[in-house]
Amino acid sequence: MTDTAPRRVLMDCDPGTDDALALWLALASPEIDLRLVTVAGGNVGLERTLPNARAVLGLAGATVPLLAGADRPLIGRFRPETRVHGQDGLAGVVLPEGKPAAPGLAADALRAALREAAPGSLTLLGIAPATNLALALATEPELADRVAEIVLMTGALGEGNWTEAAEFNAAMDPEALALLLQAGPPVTLATLELTAQALVTPERIARLRGQGGGQGGGRCLAAALAILEAVPPSRRFGHRGAPLHDPCAVAWLVAPQLFTHRAVAAEVVLDGRDRGRTRIDRWGRGTAPRNARLLEGLDADGFFALLGDRLAALP
């Protein structure tokens, strides 16, 4: 907890198993004043990510406005990731249907929220392909001064998880990511190397269940545990567990003391076999200015304790 005012956050997502937990963590955290949720096609198509977001918000009893956005990247075609998230996006976990989304388009709603805000008063939190956020800022770039920080779960220092070169969110819309890296506000990156430290193992699932009183807690924690148990363990981690990507970006806003970080120069490759690769200069070897904060280290035990405590407090 903190005595400072909560961060006013506009959150863009593509639920997605880890997006669901990220949304619940944001809703359960008094450090975050969640003003708007927008949805893109990403982990699965928009025809599934939007109902999933509605269900996740509805299960928590949240009333935050929710709008649909882009169903494809700025350039190229849409490609889902069903190996992890399943055909439905929530690994087969069925949630009650949520309330309808608000009318309108995500980029329009983002711009409207930014227009009404004071300079430097809003945080953009992106845990999906960056299309919606990029559309908002690219079409009205003077609104960038309203943004205090852009926090993204995207990119990798080394090997990707979609191709050998690229992380999924970056690969799905690298042009959108490039626009955000050049938009002007400070950018914070939670890359695959960071989220790999948030490895969900059977032991950690058991501890999360214990934080809910041993019976799964309320309906949100119970659903979160069901999702975590349904996600297949990753071959990249010797089948010991699966990384919990998107809640890491939320946790940075909630408990930055859990992280170590450094200023870096970051760019994204837009063509060729390495399309979607994030080139991150950690040591200042090049001449490009340092335009991003790279989250490097995570107190994983502290992260999972925070996640369990907050989700256990939800309905």
C-alpha atoms as a PDB file:
ATOM      1  CA  MET A   1       0.000   0.000   0.000  1.00  0.00           C
ATOM      2  CA  THR A   2       1.031   3.611  -0.474  1.00  0.00           C
ATOM      3  CA  ASP A   3      -0.080   6.986   0.829  1.00  0.00           C
ATOM      4  CA  THR A   4       0.297   8.578  -2.600  1.00  0.00           C
ATOM      5  CA  ALA A   5      -2.639   9.106  -4.918  1.00  0.00           C
ATOM      6  CA  PRO A   6      -3.515   6.122  -7.118  1.00  0.00           C
ATOM      7  CA  ARG A   7      -2.270   6.064 -10.686  1.00  0.00           C
ATOM      8  CA  ARG A   8      -5.004   6.892 -13.207  1.00  0.00           C
ATOM      9  CA  VAL A   9      -4.719   4.073 -15.731  1.00  0.00           C
ATOM     10  CA  LEU A  10      -6.101   3.341 -19.195  1.00  0.00           C
ATOM     11  CA  MET A  11      -5.577  -0.392 -19.797  1.00  0.00           C
ATOM     12  CA  ASP A  12      -5.424  -2.149 -23.161  1.00  0.00           C
ATOM     13  CA  CYS A  13      -5.599  -5.960 -23.189  1.00  0.00           C
ATOM     14  CA  ASP A  14      -6.437  -9.094 -25.201  1.00  0.00           C
ATOM     15  CA  PRO A  15      -7.752 -11.722 -22.745  1.00  0.00           C
ATOM     16  CA  GLY A  16      -5.997 -14.219 -22.760  1.00  0.00           C
ATOM     17  CA  THR A  17      -5.309 -16.202 -19.613  1.00  0.00           C
ATOM     18  CA  ASP A  18      -2.654 -13.923 -18.150  1.00  0.00           C
ATOM     19  CA  ASP A  19      -4.661 -10.829 -19.139  1.00  0.00           C
ATOM     20  CA  ALA A  20      -7.495 -12.095 -16.954  1.00  0.00           C
ATOM     21  CA  LEU A  21      -5.246 -12.205 -13.904  1.00  0.00           C
ATOM     22  CA  ALA A  22      -3.757  -8.839 -14.838  1.00  0.00           C
ATOM     23  CA  LEU A  23      -7.222  -7.278 -14.970  1.00  0.00           C
ATOM     24  CA  TRP A  24      -8.158  -8.751 -11.592  1.00  0.00           C
ATOM     25  CA  LEU A  25      -4.889  -7.534 -10.069  1.00  0.00           C
ATOM     26  CA  ALA A  26      -5.514  -4.010 -11.383  1.00  0.00           C
ATOM     27  CA  LEU A  27      -9.100  -3.997 -10.098  1.00  0.00           C
ATOM     28  CA  ALA A  28      -8.007  -5.256  -6.669  1.00  0.00           C
ATOM     29  CA  SER A  29      -5.200  -2.712  -6.199  1.00  0.00           C
ATOM     30  CA  PRO A  30      -5.937   0.664  -4.582  1.00  0.00           C
ATOM     31  CA  GLU A  31      -2.720   1.981  -6.129  1.00  0.00           C
ATOM     32  CA  ILE A  32      -4.540   1.918  -9.492  1.00  0.00           C
ATOM     33  CA  ASP A  33      -7.539   4.013 -10.484  1.00  0.00           C
ATOM     34  CA  LEU A  34      -8.653   2.069 -13.555  1.00  0.00           C
ATOM     35  CA  ARG A  35     -10.494   4.536 -15.775  1.00  0.00           C
ATOM     36  CA  LEU A  36     -10.910   2.575 -19.011  1.00  0.00           C
ATOM     37  CA  VAL A  37     -10.336  -0.905 -20.442  1.00  0.00           C
ATOM     38  CA  THR A  38      -9.918  -1.418 -24.175  1.00  0.00           C
ATOM     39  CA  VAL A  39      -9.609  -4.702 -26.014  1.00  0.00           C
ATOM     40  CA  ALA A  40      -7.771  -5.827 -29.138  1.00  0.00           C
ATOM     41  CA  GLY A  41      -7.503  -9.058 -31.023  1.00  0.00           C
ATOM     42  CA  GLY A  42      -4.332 -10.769 -29.888  1.00  0.00           C
ATOM     43  CA  ASN A  43      -4.123 -13.973 -27.910  1.00  0.00           C
ATOM     44  CA  VAL A  44      -7.316 -14.937 -29.725  1.00  0.00           C
ATOM     45  CA  GLY A  45      -9.580 -12.984 -32.057  1.00  0.00           C
ATOM     46  CA  LEU A  46     -11.567  -9.949 -30.955  1.00  0.00           C
ATOM     47  CA  GLU A  47     -14.731 -12.043 -31.166  1.00  0.00           C
ATOM     48  CA  ARG A  48     -13.346 -13.903 -28.105  1.00  0.00           C
ATOM     49  CA  THR A  49     -11.154 -11.336 -26.341  1.00  0.00           C
ATOM     50  CA  LEU A  50     -14.066  -8.907 -25.935  1.00  0.00           C
ATOM     51  CA  PRO A  51     -16.460 -11.427 -24.323  1.00  0.00           C
ATOM     52  CA  ASN A  52     -13.589 -12.647 -22.168  1.00  0.00           C
ATOM     53  CA  ALA A  53     -12.893  -9.118 -20.925  1.00  0.00           C
ATOM     54  CA  ARG A  54     -16.599  -8.625 -20.242  1.00  0.00           C
ATOM     55  CA  ALA A  55     -16.648 -11.851 -18.226  1.00  0.00           C
ATOM     56  CA  VAL A  56     -13.506 -11.008 -16.250  1.00  0.00           C
ATOM     57  CA  LEU A  57     -14.806  -7.560 -15.304  1.00  0.00           C
ATOM     58  CA  GLY A  58     -18.256  -8.934 -14.562  1.00  0.00           C
ATOM     59  CA  LEU A  59     -16.958 -11.621 -12.225  1.00  0.00           C
ATOM     60  CA  ALA A  60     -15.238  -8.902 -10.186  1.00  0.00           C
ATOM     61  CA  GLY A  61     -18.352  -6.703 -10.188  1.00  0.00           C
ATOM     62  CA  ALA A  62     -16.396  -3.936 -11.907  1.00  0.00           C
ATOM     63  CA  THR A  63     -18.122  -1.001 -13.601  1.00  0.00           C
ATOM     64  CA  VAL A  64     -15.122   0.418 -15.492  1.00  0.00           C
ATOM     65  CA  PRO A  65     -15.983   1.289 -19.128  1.00  0.00           C
ATOM     66  CA  LEU A  66     -14.976  -1.398 -21.627  1.00  0.00           C
ATOM     67  CA  LEU A  67     -14.669  -0.850 -25.386  1.00  0.00           C
ATOM     68  CA  ALA A  68     -13.702  -2.974 -28.365  1.00  0.00           C
ATOM     69  CA  GLY A  69     -10.815  -1.920 -30.545  1.00  0.00           C
ATOM     70  CA  ALA A  70      -8.663  -3.240 -33.358  1.00  0.00           C
ATOM     71  CA  ASP A  71      -9.237  -6.744 -34.651  1.00  0.00           C
ATOM     72  CA  ARG A  72      -6.003  -6.738 -36.669  1.00  0.00           C
ATOM     73  CA  PRO A  73      -2.577  -5.056 -36.670  1.00  0.00           C
ATOM     74  CA  LEU A  74      -1.787  -1.797 -38.474  1.00  0.00           C
ATOM     75  CA  ILE A  75      -0.077  -3.803 -41.226  1.00  0.00           C
ATOM     76  CA  GLY A  76      -0.403  -7.480 -42.089  1.00  0.00           C
ATOM     77  CA  ARG A  77      -2.788 -10.129 -40.884  1.00  0.00           C
ATOM     78  CA  PHE A  78      -4.046 -11.303 -37.512  1.00  0.00           C
ATOM     79  CA  ARG A  79      -2.584 -14.508 -36.031  1.00  0.00           C
ATOM     80  CA  PRO A  80      -3.835 -15.885 -32.700  1.00  0.00           C
ATOM     81  CA  GLU A  81      -1.883 -17.816 -30.060  1.00  0.00           C
ATOM     82  CA  THR A  82      -4.095 -20.755 -29.123  1.00  0.00           C
ATOM     83  CA  ARG A  83      -1.379 -23.173 -27.989  1.00  0.00           C
ATOM     84  CA  VAL A  84      -1.244 -21.513 -24.570  1.00  0.00           C
ATOM     85  CA  HIS A  85      -4.601 -19.784 -24.293  1.00  0.00           C
ATOM     86  CA  GLY A  86      -6.825 -22.316 -26.055  1.00  0.00           C
ATOM     87  CA  GLN A  87      -9.413 -21.632 -28.724  1.00  0.00           C
ATOM     88  CA  ASP A  88     -11.526 -19.605 -26.272  1.00  0.00           C
ATOM     89  CA  GLY A  89      -8.615 -17.589 -24.856  1.00  0.00           C
ATOM     90  CA  LEU A  90      -9.171 -18.694 -21.246  1.00  0.00           C
ATOM     91  CA  ALA A  91      -7.764 -22.229 -21.547  1.00  0.00           C
ATOM     92  CA  GLY A  92     -11.250 -23.717 -21.426  1.00  0.00           C
ATOM     93  CA  VAL A  93     -12.264 -22.053 -18.138  1.00  0.00           C
ATOM     94  CA  VAL A  94     -15.867 -20.884 -18.514  1.00  0.00           C
ATOM     95  CA  LEU A  95     -16.877 -17.637 -16.788  1.00  0.00           C
ATOM     96  CA  PRO A  96     -20.375 -16.144 -16.541  1.00  0.00           C
ATOM     97  CA  GLU A  97     -21.191 -13.727 -19.330  1.00  0.00           C
ATOM     98  CA  GLY A  98     -20.437 -10.115 -18.441  1.00  0.00           C
ATOM     99  CA  LYS A  99     -22.274  -6.912 -19.208  1.00  0.00           C
ATOM    100  CA  PRO A 100     -22.170  -5.580 -22.782  1.00  0.00           C
ATOM    101  CA  ALA A 101     -19.266  -3.394 -23.808  1.00  0.00           C
ATOM    102  CA  ALA A 102     -19.837   0.321 -24.202  1.00  0.00           C
ATOM    103  CA  PRO A 103     -20.540   1.571 -27.737  1.00  0.00           C
ATOM    104  CA  GLY A 104     -17.755   3.130 -29.750  1.00  0.00           C
ATOM    105  CA  LEU A 105     -14.162   2.339 -30.636  1.00  0.00           C
ATOM    106  CA  ALA A 106     -11.190   1.934 -28.342  1.00  0.00           C
ATOM    107  CA  ALA A 107      -8.950   4.520 -30.025  1.00  0.00           C
ATOM    108  CA  ASP A 108     -11.709   7.141 -29.859  1.00  0.00           C
ATOM    109  CA  ALA A 109     -12.314   6.429 -26.165  1.00  0.00           C
ATOM    110  CA  LEU A 110      -8.595   6.592 -25.406  1.00  0.00           C
ATOM    111  CA  ARG A 111      -8.291   9.954 -27.153  1.00  0.00           C
ATOM    112  CA  ALA A 112     -11.352  11.276 -25.331  1.00  0.00           C
ATOM    113  CA  ALA A 113      -9.910  10.269 -21.969  1.00  0.00           C
ATOM    114  CA  LEU A 114      -6.582  11.872 -22.819  1.00  0.00           C
ATOM    115  CA  ARG A 115      -8.210  15.110 -23.978  1.00  0.00           C
ATOM    116  CA  GLU A 116      -9.979  15.466 -20.637  1.00  0.00           C
ATOM    117  CA  ALA A 117      -6.823  14.790 -18.606  1.00  0.00           C
ATOM    118  CA  ALA A 118      -4.247  17.184 -17.235  1.00  0.00           C
ATOM    119  CA  PRO A 119      -0.705  16.950 -18.622  1.00  0.00           C
ATOM    120  CA  GLY A 120       1.193  13.967 -17.245  1.00  0.00           C
ATOM    121  CA  SER A 121      -1.797  12.603 -15.337  1.00  0.00           C
ATOM    122  CA  LEU A 122      -2.604   9.299 -17.068  1.00  0.00           C
ATOM    123  CA  THR A 123      -0.729   6.028 -17.428  1.00  0.00           C
ATOM    124  CA  LEU A 124      -1.200   3.846 -20.505  1.00  0.00           C
ATOM    125  CA  LEU A 125      -0.911   0.151 -19.644  1.00  0.00           C
ATOM    126  CA  GLY A 126      -0.606  -2.151 -22.653  1.00  0.00           C
ATOM    127  CA  ILE A 127      -0.569  -5.931 -22.315  1.00  0.00           C
ATOM    128  CA  ALA A 128      -1.709  -6.708 -25.873  1.00  0.00           C
ATOM    129  CA  PRO A 129      -0.398  -5.963 -29.345  1.00  0.00           C
ATOM    130  CA  ALA A 130      -0.019  -2.170 -29.193  1.00  0.00           C
ATOM    131  CA  THR A 131      -2.470  -1.349 -31.997  1.00  0.00           C
ATOM    132  CA  ASN A 132      -5.144   0.476 -29.985  1.00  0.00           C
ATOM    133  CA  LEU A 133      -2.672   2.633 -28.061  1.00  0.00           C
ATOM    134  CA  ALA A 134      -0.716   3.468 -31.209  1.00  0.00           C
ATOM    135  CA  LEU A 135      -3.875   4.430 -33.118  1.00  0.00           C
ATOM    136  CA  ALA A 136      -4.854   6.827 -30.339  1.00  0.00           C
ATOM    137  CA  LEU A 137      -1.502   8.609 -30.142  1.00  0.00           C
ATOM    138  CA  ALA A 138      -0.613   8.503 -33.842  1.00  0.00           C
ATOM    139  CA  THR A 139      -3.884  10.154 -34.881  1.00  0.00           C
ATOM    140  CA  GLU A 140      -3.665  12.915 -32.239  1.00  0.00           C
ATOM    141  CA  PRO A 141       0.000  13.089 -31.233  1.00  0.00           C
ATOM    142  CA  GLU A 142      -0.373  16.279 -29.191  1.00  0.00           C
ATOM    143  CA  LEU A 143      -2.184  14.170 -26.574  1.00  0.00           C
ATOM    144  CA  ALA A 144       1.096  12.473 -25.672  1.00  0.00           C
ATOM    145  CA  ASP A 145       1.796  15.187 -23.104  1.00  0.00           C
ATOM    146  CA  ARG A 146      -1.164  13.903 -21.035  1.00  0.00           C
ATOM    147  CA  VAL A 147       0.687  10.610 -20.497  1.00  0.00           C
ATOM    148  CA  ALA A 148       2.929  10.141 -17.477  1.00  0.00           C
ATOM    149  CA  GLU A 149       4.155   6.692 -18.520  1.00  0.00           C
ATOM    150  CA  ILE A 150       3.483   3.949 -21.052  1.00  0.00           C
ATOM    151  CA  VAL A 151       3.913   0.501 -19.469  1.00  0.00           C
ATOM    152  CA  LEU A 152       4.059  -2.431 -21.881  1.00  0.00           C
ATOM    153  CA  MET A 153       4.387  -6.173 -21.577  1.00  0.00           C
ATOM    154  CA  THR A 154       6.291  -6.702 -24.801  1.00  0.00           C
ATOM    155  CA  GLY A 155       9.602  -7.641 -26.334  1.00  0.00           C
ATOM    156  CA  ALA A 156      12.618  -9.716 -25.427  1.00  0.00           C
ATOM    157  CA  LEU A 157      16.322  -9.177 -24.982  1.00  0.00           C
ATOM    158  CA  GLY A 158      17.066 -12.512 -26.628  1.00  0.00           C
ATOM    159  CA  GLU A 159      14.964 -15.331 -28.028  1.00  0.00           C
ATOM    160  CA  GLY A 160      11.286 -14.737 -28.701  1.00  0.00           C
ATOM    161  CA  ASN A 161       8.307 -16.902 -27.785  1.00  0.00           C
ATOM    162  CA  TRP A 162       6.456 -16.477 -31.109  1.00  0.00           C
ATOM    163  CA  THR A 163       9.422 -16.758 -33.465  1.00  0.00           C
ATOM    164  CA  GLU A 164      13.065 -17.289 -32.665  1.00  0.00           C
ATOM    165  CA  ALA A 165      13.412 -13.506 -32.934  1.00  0.00           C
ATOM    166  CA  ALA A 166      10.209 -12.003 -31.554  1.00  0.00           C
ATOM    167  CA  GLU A 167       7.946 -11.966 -28.521  1.00  0.00           C
ATOM    168  CA  PHE A 168       4.239 -12.380 -29.336  1.00  0.00           C
ATOM    169  CA  ASN A 169       2.898  -8.854 -28.645  1.00  0.00           C
ATOM    170  CA  ALA A 170       5.799  -7.210 -30.462  1.00  0.00           C
ATOM    171  CA  ALA A 171       5.529  -9.615 -33.379  1.00  0.00           C
ATOM    172  CA  MET A 172       1.789  -9.075 -33.825  1.00  0.00           C
ATOM    173  CA  ASP A 173       2.115  -5.320 -34.432  1.00  0.00           C
ATOM    174  CA  PRO A 174       5.711  -4.091 -34.511  1.00  0.00           C
ATOM    175  CA  GLU A 175       4.728  -0.845 -36.279  1.00  0.00           C
ATOM    176  CA  ALA A 176       2.425   0.006 -33.365  1.00  0.00           C
ATOM    177  CA  LEU A 177       5.197  -0.711 -30.864  1.00  0.00           C
ATOM    178  CA  ALA A 178       7.606   1.459 -32.857  1.00  0.00           C
ATOM    179  CA  LEU A 179       5.108   4.332 -32.714  1.00  0.00           C
ATOM    180  CA  LEU A 180       4.844   4.093 -28.937  1.00  0.00           C
ATOM    181  CA  LEU A 181       8.609   3.970 -28.479  1.00  0.00           C
ATOM    182  CA  GLN A 182       8.815   7.216 -30.460  1.00  0.00           C
ATOM    183  CA  ALA A 183       5.697   8.939 -29.059  1.00  0.00           C
ATOM    184  CA  GLY A 184       7.500  10.928 -26.361  1.00  0.00           C
ATOM    185  CA  PRO A 185       6.204   9.737 -22.945  1.00  0.00           C
ATOM    186  CA  PRO A 186       8.463   7.517 -20.821  1.00  0.00           C
ATOM    187  CA  VAL A 187       8.107   3.844 -21.768  1.00  0.00           C
ATOM    188  CA  THR A 188       8.580   0.919 -19.363  1.00  0.00           C
ATOM    189  CA  LEU A 189       9.102  -2.569 -20.804  1.00  0.00           C
ATOM    190  CA  ALA A 190       8.337  -5.889 -19.135  1.00  0.00           C
ATOM    191  CA  THR A 191      10.067  -8.323 -21.507  1.00  0.00           C
ATOM    192  CA  LEU A 192      10.161 -12.108 -21.616  1.00  0.00           C
ATOM    193  CA  GLU A 193      13.298 -12.164 -19.485  1.00  0.00           C
ATOM    194  CA  LEU A 194      11.420 -10.330 -16.731  1.00  0.00           C
ATOM    195  CA  THR A 195       8.220 -12.347 -16.947  1.00  0.00           C
ATOM    196  CA  ALA A 196      10.173 -15.628 -16.968  1.00  0.00           C
ATOM    197  CA  GLN A 197      10.928 -14.877 -13.322  1.00  0.00           C
ATOM    198  CA  ALA A 198       7.174 -15.041 -12.566  1.00  0.00           C
ATOM    199  CA  LEU A 199       7.034 -18.780 -13.204  1.00  0.00           C
ATOM    200  CA  VAL A 200       3.784 -20.446 -12.180  1.00  0.00           C
ATOM    201  CA  THR A 201       4.586 -23.831 -10.652  1.00  0.00           C
ATOM    202  CA  PRO A 202       2.356 -26.329  -8.819  1.00  0.00           C
ATOM    203  CA  GLU A 203       3.925 -25.168  -5.557  1.00  0.00           C
ATOM    204  CA  ARG A 204       3.059 -21.543  -6.246  1.00  0.00           C
ATOM    205  CA  ILE A 205      -0.497 -22.470  -7.223  1.00  0.00           C
ATOM    206  CA  ALA A 206      -0.814 -24.289  -3.895  1.00  0.00           C
ATOM    207  CA  ARG A 207       0.401 -21.213  -2.012  1.00  0.00           C
ATOM    208  CA  LEU A 208      -2.062 -19.006  -3.916  1.00  0.00           C
ATOM    209  CA  ARG A 209      -4.861 -21.368  -2.948  1.00  0.00           C
ATOM    210  CA  GLY A 210      -3.730 -21.132   0.655  1.00  0.00           C
ATOM    211  CA  GLN A 211      -4.014 -17.339   0.495  1.00  0.00           C
ATOM    212  CA  GLY A 212      -7.691 -17.864  -0.267  1.00  0.00           C
ATOM    213  CA  GLY A 213      -8.228 -19.828   2.915  1.00  0.00           C
ATOM    214  CA  GLY A 214      -7.498 -23.193   1.327  1.00  0.00           C
ATOM    215  CA  GLN A 215     -10.788 -23.322  -0.570  1.00  0.00           C
ATOM    216  CA  GLY A 216      -9.948 -21.092  -3.529  1.00  0.00           C
ATOM    217  CA  GLY A 217     -11.135 -17.851  -1.919  1.00  0.00           C
ATOM    218  CA  GLY A 218     -13.814 -15.858  -3.688  1.00  0.00           C
ATOM    219  CA  ARG A 219     -15.020 -16.449  -7.218  1.00  0.00           C
ATOM    220  CA  CYS A 220     -12.246 -14.368  -8.833  1.00  0.00           C
ATOM    221  CA  LEU A 221      -9.403 -16.164  -7.070  1.00  0.00           C
ATOM    222  CA  ALA A 222     -11.089 -19.501  -7.757  1.00  0.00           C
ATOM    223  CA  ALA A 223     -11.322 -18.647 -11.455  1.00  0.00           C
ATOM    224  CA  ALA A 224      -7.719 -17.441 -11.482  1.00  0.00           C
ATOM    225  CA  LEU A 225      -6.548 -20.721  -9.943  1.00  0.00           C
ATOM    226  CA  ALA A 226      -8.556 -22.698 -12.491  1.00  0.00           C
ATOM    227  CA  ILE A 227      -6.928 -20.706 -15.302  1.00  0.00           C
ATOM    228  CA  LEU A 228      -3.423 -21.186 -13.903  1.00  0.00           C
ATOM    229  CA  GLU A 229      -3.983 -24.927 -13.567  1.00  0.00           C
ATOM    230  CA  ALA A 230      -5.296 -25.146 -17.141  1.00  0.00           C
ATOM    231  CA  VAL A 231      -2.348 -23.375 -18.802  1.00  0.00           C
ATOM    232  CA  PRO A 232       0.083 -26.001 -20.094  1.00  0.00           C
ATOM    233  CA  PRO A 233       3.616 -25.965 -18.674  1.00  0.00           C
ATOM    234  CA  SER A 234       6.142 -24.424 -21.025  1.00  0.00           C
ATOM    235  CA  ARG A 235       8.691 -26.451 -22.941  1.00  0.00           C
ATOM    236  CA  ARG A 236      11.029 -23.444 -22.656  1.00  0.00           C
ATOM    237  CA  PHE A 237      11.142 -24.001 -18.884  1.00  0.00           C
ATOM    238  CA  GLY A 238      11.503 -27.761 -18.910  1.00  0.00           C
ATOM    239  CA  HIS A 239       7.765 -28.182 -18.237  1.00  0.00           C
ATOM    240  CA  ARG A 240       8.312 -26.933 -14.680  1.00  0.00           C
ATOM    241  CA  GLY A 241       5.647 -24.262 -15.138  1.00  0.00           C
ATOM    242  CA  ALA A 242       4.538 -21.357 -17.292  1.00  0.00           C
ATOM    243  CA  PRO A 243       5.491 -17.671 -17.062  1.00  0.00           C
ATOM    244  CA  LEU A 244       2.767 -15.258 -15.941  1.00  0.00           C
ATOM    245  CA  HIS A 245       3.490 -12.396 -18.312  1.00  0.00           C
ATOM    246  CA  ASP A 246       0.888  -9.649 -18.125  1.00  0.00           C
ATOM    247  CA  PRO A 247       0.385  -9.284 -14.352  1.00  0.00           C
ATOM    248  CA  CYS A 248       4.054  -8.277 -14.153  1.00  0.00           C
ATOM    249  CA  ALA A 249       3.258  -5.016 -15.956  1.00  0.00           C
ATOM    250  CA  VAL A 250       0.430  -4.315 -13.501  1.00  0.00           C
ATOM    251  CA  ALA A 251       2.646  -5.171 -10.541  1.00  0.00           C
ATOM    252  CA  TRP A 252       5.149  -2.507 -11.643  1.00  0.00           C
ATOM    253  CA  LEU A 253       2.442   0.123 -11.086  1.00  0.00           C
ATOM    254  CA  VAL A 254       1.347  -1.433  -7.799  1.00  0.00           C
ATOM    255  CA  ALA A 255       4.642  -2.391  -6.154  1.00  0.00           C
ATOM    256  CA  PRO A 256       7.675  -1.003  -8.016  1.00  0.00           C
ATOM    257  CA  GLN A 257       9.884  -2.025  -5.101  1.00  0.00           C
ATOM    258  CA  LEU A 258       9.603  -5.610  -6.366  1.00  0.00           C
ATOM    259  CA  PHE A 259      11.634  -4.720  -9.468  1.00  0.00           C
ATOM    260  CA  THR A 260      15.086  -3.669 -10.524  1.00  0.00           C
ATOM    261  CA  HIS A 261      15.419  -1.670 -13.735  1.00  0.00           C
ATOM    262  CA  ARG A 262      17.682   0.419 -15.946  1.00  0.00           C
ATOM    263  CA  ALA A 263      17.407   3.014 -18.696  1.00  0.00           C
ATOM    264  CA  VAL A 264      17.975   1.588 -22.185  1.00  0.00           C
ATOM    265  CA  ALA A 265      17.706   2.418 -25.863  1.00  0.00           C
ATOM    266  CA  ALA A 266      14.988   0.286 -27.480  1.00  0.00           C
ATOM    267  CA  GLU A 267      13.750  -0.181 -31.018  1.00  0.00           C
ATOM    268  CA  VAL A 268      11.820  -2.821 -32.941  1.00  0.00           C
ATOM    269  CA  VAL A 269      12.689  -4.488 -36.238  1.00  0.00           C
ATOM    270  CA  LEU A 270      10.015  -3.883 -38.871  1.00  0.00           C
ATOM    271  CA  ASP A 271      11.045  -6.135 -41.743  1.00  0.00           C
ATOM    272  CA  GLY A 272      12.798  -9.322 -42.722  1.00  0.00           C
ATOM    273  CA  ARG A 273      13.084 -12.568 -40.829  1.00  0.00           C
ATOM    274  CA  ASP A 274      13.632 -10.683 -37.556  1.00  0.00           C
ATOM    275  CA  ARG A 275      10.409  -8.661 -37.858  1.00  0.00           C
ATOM    276  CA  GLY A 276       9.141  -7.976 -34.349  1.00  0.00           C
ATOM    277  CA  ARG A 277      12.516  -8.407 -32.631  1.00  0.00           C
ATOM    278  CA  THR A 278      13.169  -5.777 -29.974  1.00  0.00           C
ATOM    279  CA  ARG A 279      16.735  -4.475 -30.023  1.00  0.00           C
ATOM    280  CA  ILE A 280      17.560  -3.265 -26.549  1.00  0.00           C
ATOM    281  CA  ASP A 281      20.884  -1.601 -25.792  1.00  0.00           C
ATOM    282  CA  ARG A 282      21.403  -2.080 -22.061  1.00  0.00           C
ATOM    283  CA  TRP A 283      24.980  -0.839 -21.903  1.00  0.00           C
ATOM    284  CA  GLY A 284      24.987   2.264 -24.081  1.00  0.00           C
ATOM    285  CA  ARG A 285      27.093   0.676 -26.819  1.00  0.00           C
ATOM    286  CA  GLY A 286      25.226   2.509 -29.573  1.00  0.00           C
ATOM    287  CA  THR A 287      24.439   6.156 -30.184  1.00  0.00           C
ATOM    288  CA  ALA A 288      20.637   5.980 -29.880  1.00  0.00           C
ATOM    289  CA  PRO A 289      19.163   7.896 -26.932  1.00  0.00           C
ATOM    290  CA  ARG A 290      17.841   5.933 -23.978  1.00  0.00           C
ATOM    291  CA  ASN A 291      14.107   5.982 -24.602  1.00  0.00           C
ATOM    292  CA  ALA A 292      12.816   3.257 -22.272  1.00  0.00           C
ATOM    293  CA  ARG A 293      13.057   1.741 -18.819  1.00  0.00           C
ATOM    294  CA  LEU A 294      13.775  -1.988 -18.886  1.00  0.00           C
ATOM    295  CA  LEU A 295      12.458  -4.022 -15.949  1.00  0.00           C
ATOM    296  CA  GLU A 296      15.258  -6.498 -15.229  1.00  0.00           C
ATOM    297  CA  GLY A 297      14.799  -8.220 -11.890  1.00  0.00           C
ATOM    298  CA  LEU A 298      11.684  -9.400 -10.045  1.00  0.00           C
ATOM    299  CA  ASP A 299      11.184 -10.489  -6.450  1.00  0.00           C
ATOM    300  CA  ALA A 300       9.121 -13.479  -7.562  1.00  0.00           C
ATOM    301  CA  ASP A 301       8.017 -14.560  -4.089  1.00  0.00           C
ATOM    302  CA  GLY A 302       6.917 -11.015  -3.338  1.00  0.00           C
ATOM    303  CA  PHE A 303       5.095 -10.858  -6.673  1.00  0.00           C
ATOM    304  CA  PHE A 304       3.083 -14.037  -6.039  1.00  0.00           C
ATOM    305  CA  ALA A 305       2.344 -12.988  -2.461  1.00  0.00           C
ATOM    306  CA  LEU A 306       0.987  -9.676  -3.787  1.00  0.00           C
ATOM    307  CA  LEU A 307      -1.048 -11.456  -6.465  1.00  0.00           C
ATOM    308  CA  GLY A 308      -2.594 -13.866  -3.977  1.00  0.00           C
ATOM    309  CA  ASP A 309      -3.388 -11.205  -1.387  1.00  0.00           C
ATOM    310  CA  ARG A 310      -5.047  -8.917  -3.910  1.00  0.00           C
ATOM    311  CA  LEU A 311      -7.038 -11.591  -5.760  1.00  0.00           C
ATOM    312  CA  ALA A 312      -8.207 -13.061  -2.449  1.00  0.00           C
ATOM    313  CA  ALA A 313      -9.741  -9.669  -1.621  1.00  0.00           C
ATOM    314  CA  LEU A 314     -11.970  -9.707  -4.715  1.00  0.00           C
ATOM    315  CA  PRO A 315     -15.501 -11.151  -4.683  1.00  0.00           C
END
